[in-house]
Amino acid sequence: MTTTYQFLAAWVTSRIDDERGASLVEYALLVALIAVVCIAAVTALGSSASSKFSEVASNL
């Protein structure tokens, strides 16, 4: 995971320092990647939270 983060950080830094600027496609890919990560995190945490709420409700 750390190497992926380092790669993305280096890639973004190289794109920011580039005088030509980043294209709309590159920004769209970054937004899509962030959206996929957020959806995966919400899905993983959502099922865990749902099971905890169900457990608490059944104990009440």
PDB file of N, CA and C in Angstrom:
ATOM      1  N   MET A   1       0.830  -1.195   0.000  1.00  0.00           N
ATOM      2  CA  MET A   1       0.000   0.000   0.000  1.00  0.00           C
ATOM      3  C   MET A   1       0.866   1.247   0.000  1.00  0.00           C
ATOM      4  N   THR A   2       1.960   1.222   0.762  1.00  0.00           N
ATOM      5  CA  THR A   2       2.834   2.383   0.829  1.00  0.00           C
ATOM      6  C   THR A   2       3.459   2.671  -0.525  1.00  0.00           C
ATOM      7  N   THR A   3       3.875   1.640  -1.239  1.00  0.00           N
ATOM      8  CA  THR A   3       4.489   1.880  -2.540  1.00  0.00           C
ATOM      9  C   THR A   3       3.478   2.469  -3.520  1.00  0.00           C
ATOM     10  N   THR A   4       2.228   2.055  -3.424  1.00  0.00           N
ATOM     11  CA  THR A   4       1.196   2.635  -4.275  1.00  0.00           C
ATOM     12  C   THR A   4       1.008   4.106  -3.937  1.00  0.00           C
ATOM     13  N   TYR A   5       0.990   4.424  -2.647  1.00  0.00           N
ATOM     14  CA  TYR A   5       0.852   5.817  -2.237  1.00  0.00           C
ATOM     15  C   TYR A   5       2.045   6.642  -2.713  1.00  0.00           C
ATOM     16  N   GLN A   6       3.239   6.108  -2.574  1.00  0.00           N
ATOM     17  CA  GLN A   6       4.433   6.832  -3.009  1.00  0.00           C
ATOM     18  C   GLN A   6       4.413   7.044  -4.511  1.00  0.00           C
ATOM     19  N   PHE A   7       3.971   6.033  -5.259  1.00  0.00           N
ATOM     20  CA  PHE A   7       3.871   6.166  -6.707  1.00  0.00           C
ATOM     21  C   PHE A   7       2.878   7.257  -7.089  1.00  0.00           C
ATOM     22  N   LEU A   8       1.698   7.234  -6.457  1.00  0.00           N
ATOM     23  CA  LEU A   8       0.685   8.246  -6.777  1.00  0.00           C
ATOM     24  C   LEU A   8       1.148   9.643  -6.387  1.00  0.00           C
ATOM     25  N   ALA A   9       1.816   9.752  -5.234  1.00  0.00           N
ATOM     26  CA  ALA A   9       2.318  11.056  -4.809  1.00  0.00           C
ATOM     27  C   ALA A   9       3.373  11.570  -5.781  1.00  0.00           C
ATOM     28  N   ALA A  10       4.271  10.710  -6.216  1.00  0.00           N
ATOM     29  CA  ALA A  10       5.290  11.128  -7.183  1.00  0.00           C
ATOM     30  C   ALA A  10       4.664  11.491  -8.522  1.00  0.00           C
ATOM     31  N   TRP A  11       3.650  10.720  -8.926  1.00  0.00           N
ATOM     32  CA  TRP A  11       2.991  10.994 -10.197  1.00  0.00           C
ATOM     33  C   TRP A  11       2.266  12.335 -10.166  1.00  0.00           C
ATOM     34  N   VAL A  12       1.539  12.580  -9.073  1.00  0.00           N
ATOM     35  CA  VAL A  12       0.816  13.852  -8.953  1.00  0.00           C
ATOM     36  C   VAL A  12       1.800  15.013  -8.889  1.00  0.00           C
ATOM     37  N   THR A  13       2.877  14.858  -8.139  1.00  0.00           N
ATOM     38  CA  THR A  13       3.882  15.918  -8.031  1.00  0.00           C
ATOM     39  C   THR A  13       4.507  16.208  -9.396  1.00  0.00           C
ATOM     40  N   SER A  14       4.788  15.163 -10.154  1.00  0.00           N
ATOM     41  CA  SER A  14       5.376  15.388 -11.473  1.00  0.00           C
ATOM     42  C   SER A  14       4.393  16.092 -12.403  1.00  0.00           C
ATOM     43  N   ARG A  15       3.117  15.810 -12.234  1.00  0.00           N
ATOM     44  CA  ARG A  15       2.119  16.474 -13.076  1.00  0.00           C
ATOM     45  C   ARG A  15       1.918  17.929 -12.670  1.00  0.00           C
ATOM     46  N   ILE A  16       2.041  18.217 -11.387  1.00  0.00           N
ATOM     47  CA  ILE A  16       1.872  19.597 -10.930  1.00  0.00           C
ATOM     48  C   ILE A  16       3.048  20.454 -11.381  1.00  0.00           C
ATOM     49  N   ASP A  17       4.262  19.887 -11.334  1.00  0.00           N
ATOM     50  CA  ASP A  17       5.458  20.632 -11.714  1.00  0.00           C
ATOM     51  C   ASP A  17       5.594  20.800 -13.219  1.00  0.00           C
ATOM     52  N   ASP A  18       4.849  20.041 -13.981  1.00  0.00           N
ATOM     53  CA  ASP A  18       4.908  20.120 -15.433  1.00  0.00           C
ATOM     54  C   ASP A  18       4.318  21.447 -15.886  1.00  0.00           C
ATOM     55  N   GLU A  19       5.045  22.175 -16.714  1.00  0.00           N
ATOM     56  CA  GLU A  19       4.570  23.495 -17.146  1.00  0.00           C
ATOM     57  C   GLU A  19       3.416  23.409 -18.128  1.00  0.00           C
ATOM     58  N   ARG A  20       3.267  22.274 -18.778  1.00  0.00           N
ATOM     59  CA  ARG A  20       2.169  22.131 -19.726  1.00  0.00           C
ATOM     60  C   ARG A  20       0.831  22.007 -19.014  1.00  0.00           C
ATOM     61  N   GLY A  21       0.847  21.636 -17.750  1.00  0.00           N
ATOM     62  CA  GLY A  21      -0.391  21.474 -16.990  1.00  0.00           C
ATOM     63  C   GLY A  21      -0.991  20.099 -17.188  1.00  0.00           C
ATOM     64  N   ALA A  22      -1.870  19.767 -16.309  1.00  0.00           N
ATOM     65  CA  ALA A  22      -2.529  18.460 -16.389  1.00  0.00           C
ATOM     66  C   ALA A  22      -3.765  18.583 -17.263  1.00  0.00           C
ATOM     67  N   SER A  23      -4.021  17.538 -17.999  1.00  0.00           N
ATOM     68  CA  SER A  23      -5.191  17.570 -18.876  1.00  0.00           C
ATOM     69  C   SER A  23      -6.434  17.156 -18.105  1.00  0.00           C
ATOM     70  N   LEU A  24      -7.551  17.405 -18.686  1.00  0.00           N
ATOM     71  CA  LEU A  24      -8.828  17.061 -18.068  1.00  0.00           C
ATOM     72  C   LEU A  24      -8.956  15.560 -17.873  1.00  0.00           C
ATOM     73  N   VAL A  25      -8.383  14.787 -18.782  1.00  0.00           N
ATOM     74  CA  VAL A  25      -8.459  13.332 -18.676  1.00  0.00           C
ATOM     75  C   VAL A  25      -7.719  12.848 -17.437  1.00  0.00           C
ATOM     76  N   GLU A  26      -6.572  13.425 -17.147  1.00  0.00           N
ATOM     77  CA  GLU A  26      -5.807  13.020 -15.962  1.00  0.00           C
ATOM     78  C   GLU A  26      -6.579  13.338 -14.686  1.00  0.00           C
ATOM     79  N   TYR A  27      -7.176  14.496 -14.617  1.00  0.00           N
ATOM     80  CA  TYR A  27      -7.991  14.840 -13.450  1.00  0.00           C
ATOM     81  C   TYR A  27      -9.188  13.907 -13.319  1.00  0.00           C
ATOM     82  N   ALA A  28      -9.800  13.573 -14.444  1.00  0.00           N
ATOM     83  CA  ALA A  28     -10.948  12.664 -14.413  1.00  0.00           C
ATOM     84  C   ALA A  28     -10.535  11.287 -13.910  1.00  0.00           C
ATOM     85  N   LEU A  29      -9.360  10.808 -14.314  1.00  0.00           N
ATOM     86  CA  LEU A  29      -8.875   9.515 -13.823  1.00  0.00           C
ATOM     87  C   LEU A  29      -8.603   9.557 -12.328  1.00  0.00           C
ATOM     88  N   LEU A  30      -8.037  10.652 -11.843  1.00  0.00           N
ATOM     89  CA  LEU A  30      -7.802  10.779 -10.407  1.00  0.00           C
ATOM     90  C   LEU A  30      -9.116  10.800  -9.628  1.00  0.00           C
ATOM     91  N   VAL A  31     -10.083  11.530 -10.114  1.00  0.00           N
ATOM     92  CA  VAL A  31     -11.386  11.590  -9.445  1.00  0.00           C
ATOM     93  C   VAL A  31     -12.048  10.221  -9.464  1.00  0.00           C
ATOM     94  N   ALA A  32     -11.946   9.510 -10.582  1.00  0.00           N
ATOM     95  CA  ALA A  32     -12.531   8.174 -10.668  1.00  0.00           C
ATOM     96  C   ALA A  32     -11.851   7.216  -9.691  1.00  0.00           C
ATOM     97  N   LEU A  33     -10.536   7.299  -9.569  1.00  0.00           N
ATOM     98  CA  LEU A  33      -9.812   6.441  -8.631  1.00  0.00           C
ATOM     99  C   LEU A  33     -10.220   6.736  -7.198  1.00  0.00           C
ATOM    100  N   ILE A  34     -10.328   8.003  -6.852  1.00  0.00           N
ATOM    101  CA  ILE A  34     -10.749   8.384  -5.503  1.00  0.00           C
ATOM    102  C   ILE A  34     -12.168   7.900  -5.235  1.00  0.00           C
ATOM    103  N   ALA A  35     -13.039   8.021  -6.225  1.00  0.00           N
ATOM    104  CA  ALA A  35     -14.426   7.568  -6.058  1.00  0.00           C
ATOM    105  C   ALA A  35     -14.489   6.057  -5.835  1.00  0.00           C
ATOM    106  N   VAL A  36     -13.692   5.303  -6.566  1.00  0.00           N
ATOM    107  CA  VAL A  36     -13.688   3.844  -6.400  1.00  0.00           C
ATOM    108  C   VAL A  36     -13.205   3.470  -5.008  1.00  0.00           C
ATOM    109  N   VAL A  37     -12.165   4.141  -4.527  1.00  0.00           N
ATOM    110  CA  VAL A  37     -11.646   3.860  -3.183  1.00  0.00           C
ATOM    111  C   VAL A  37     -12.691   4.207  -2.125  1.00  0.00           C
ATOM    112  N   CYS A  38     -13.367   5.333  -2.282  1.00  0.00           N
ATOM    113  CA  CYS A  38     -14.398   5.729  -1.320  1.00  0.00           C
ATOM    114  C   CYS A  38     -15.567   4.748  -1.319  1.00  0.00           C
ATOM    115  N   ILE A  39     -15.993   4.327  -2.481  1.00  0.00           N
ATOM    116  CA  ILE A  39     -17.103   3.372  -2.565  1.00  0.00           C
ATOM    117  C   ILE A  39     -16.717   2.053  -1.922  1.00  0.00           C
ATOM    118  N   ALA A  40     -15.490   1.598  -2.168  1.00  0.00           N
ATOM    119  CA  ALA A  40     -15.036   0.341  -1.559  1.00  0.00           C
ATOM    120  C   ALA A  40     -14.977   0.461  -0.040  1.00  0.00           C
ATOM    121  N   ALA A  41     -14.505   1.598   0.462  1.00  0.00           N
ATOM    122  CA  ALA A  41     -14.421   1.785   1.911  1.00  0.00           C
ATOM    123  C   ALA A  41     -15.811   1.834   2.541  1.00  0.00           C
ATOM    124  N   VAL A  42     -16.725   2.543   1.920  1.00  0.00           N
ATOM    125  CA  VAL A  42     -18.082   2.634   2.461  1.00  0.00           C
ATOM    126  C   VAL A  42     -18.761   1.269   2.423  1.00  0.00           C
ATOM    127  N   THR A  43     -18.534   0.520   1.368  1.00  0.00           N
ATOM    128  CA  THR A  43     -19.128  -0.815   1.269  1.00  0.00           C
ATOM    129  C   THR A  43     -18.590  -1.731   2.354  1.00  0.00           C
ATOM    130  N   ALA A  44     -17.280  -1.704   2.559  1.00  0.00           N
ATOM    131  CA  ALA A  44     -16.666  -2.565   3.573  1.00  0.00           C
ATOM    132  C   ALA A  44     -17.102  -2.162   4.977  1.00  0.00           C
ATOM    133  N   LEU A  45     -17.091  -0.877   5.259  1.00  0.00           N
ATOM    134  CA  LEU A  45     -17.467  -0.409   6.590  1.00  0.00           C
ATOM    135  C   LEU A  45     -18.973  -0.473   6.814  1.00  0.00           C
ATOM    136  N   GLY A  46     -19.729  -0.333   5.745  1.00  0.00           N
ATOM    137  CA  GLY A  46     -21.185  -0.360   5.866  1.00  0.00           C
ATOM    138  C   GLY A  46     -21.705  -1.706   6.322  1.00  0.00           C
ATOM    139  N   SER A  47     -21.180  -2.761   5.762  1.00  0.00           N
ATOM    140  CA  SER A  47     -21.643  -4.093   6.170  1.00  0.00           C
ATOM    141  C   SER A  47     -21.209  -4.401   7.597  1.00  0.00           C
ATOM    142  N   SER A  48     -20.030  -3.946   7.977  1.00  0.00           N
ATOM    143  CA  SER A  48     -19.558  -4.156   9.344  1.00  0.00           C
ATOM    144  C   SER A  48     -20.418  -3.369  10.336  1.00  0.00           C
ATOM    145  N   ALA A  49     -20.710  -2.124   9.997  1.00  0.00           N
ATOM    146  CA  ALA A  49     -21.531  -1.296  10.876  1.00  0.00           C
ATOM    147  C   ALA A  49     -22.952  -1.847  10.963  1.00  0.00           C
ATOM    148  N   SER A  50     -23.473  -2.334   9.862  1.00  0.00           N
ATOM    149  CA  SER A  50     -24.818  -2.892   9.863  1.00  0.00           C
ATOM    150  C   SER A  50     -24.915  -4.109  10.771  1.00  0.00           C
ATOM    151  N   SER A  51     -23.904  -4.958  10.726  1.00  0.00           N
ATOM    152  CA  SER A  51     -23.932  -6.135  11.594  1.00  0.00           C
ATOM    153  C   SER A  51     -23.816  -5.741  13.065  1.00  0.00           C
ATOM    154  N   LYS A  52     -23.023  -4.712  13.368  1.00  0.00           N
ATOM    155  CA  LYS A  52     -22.926  -4.246  14.756  1.00  0.00           C
ATOM    156  C   LYS A  52     -24.248  -3.666  15.246  1.00  0.00           C
ATOM    157  N   PHE A  53     -24.917  -2.865  14.402  1.00  0.00           N
ATOM    158  CA  PHE A  53     -26.202  -2.311  14.791  1.00  0.00           C
ATOM    159  C   PHE A  53     -27.232  -3.415  15.012  1.00  0.00           C
ATOM    160  N   SER A  54     -27.204  -4.434  14.164  1.00  0.00           N
ATOM    161  CA  SER A  54     -28.136  -5.554  14.318  1.00  0.00           C
ATOM    162  C   SER A  54     -27.860  -6.298  15.626  1.00  0.00           C
ATOM    163  N   GLU A  55     -26.570  -6.454  15.949  1.00  0.00           N
ATOM    164  CA  GLU A  55     -26.201  -7.133  17.200  1.00  0.00           C
ATOM    165  C   GLU A  55     -26.675  -6.340  18.413  1.00  0.00           C
ATOM    166  N   VAL A  56     -26.500  -5.037  18.391  1.00  0.00           N
ATOM    167  CA  VAL A  56     -26.946  -4.193  19.493  1.00  0.00           C
ATOM    168  C   VAL A  56     -28.460  -4.231  19.609  1.00  0.00           C
ATOM    169  N   ALA A  57     -29.149  -4.173  18.483  1.00  0.00           N
ATOM    170  CA  ALA A  57     -30.613  -4.195  18.497  1.00  0.00           C
ATOM    171  C   ALA A  57     -31.147  -5.501  19.049  1.00  0.00           C
ATOM    172  N   SER A  58     -30.492  -6.601  18.706  1.00  0.00           N
ATOM    173  CA  SER A  58     -30.972  -7.883  19.217  1.00  0.00           C
ATOM    174  C   SER A  58     -30.688  -8.029  20.714  1.00  0.00           C
ATOM    175  N   ASN A  59     -29.639  -7.394  21.211  1.00  0.00           N
ATOM    176  CA  ASN A  59     -29.330  -7.442  22.639  1.00  0.00           C
ATOM    177  C   ASN A  59     -30.281  -6.565  23.470  1.00  0.00           C
ATOM    178  N   LEU A  60     -30.837  -5.562  22.829  1.00  0.00           N
ATOM    179  CA  LEU A  60     -31.779  -4.702  23.555  1.00  0.00           C
ATOM    180  C   LEU A  60     -33.094  -5.431  23.691  1.00  0.00           C
TER     181      LEU A  60
END
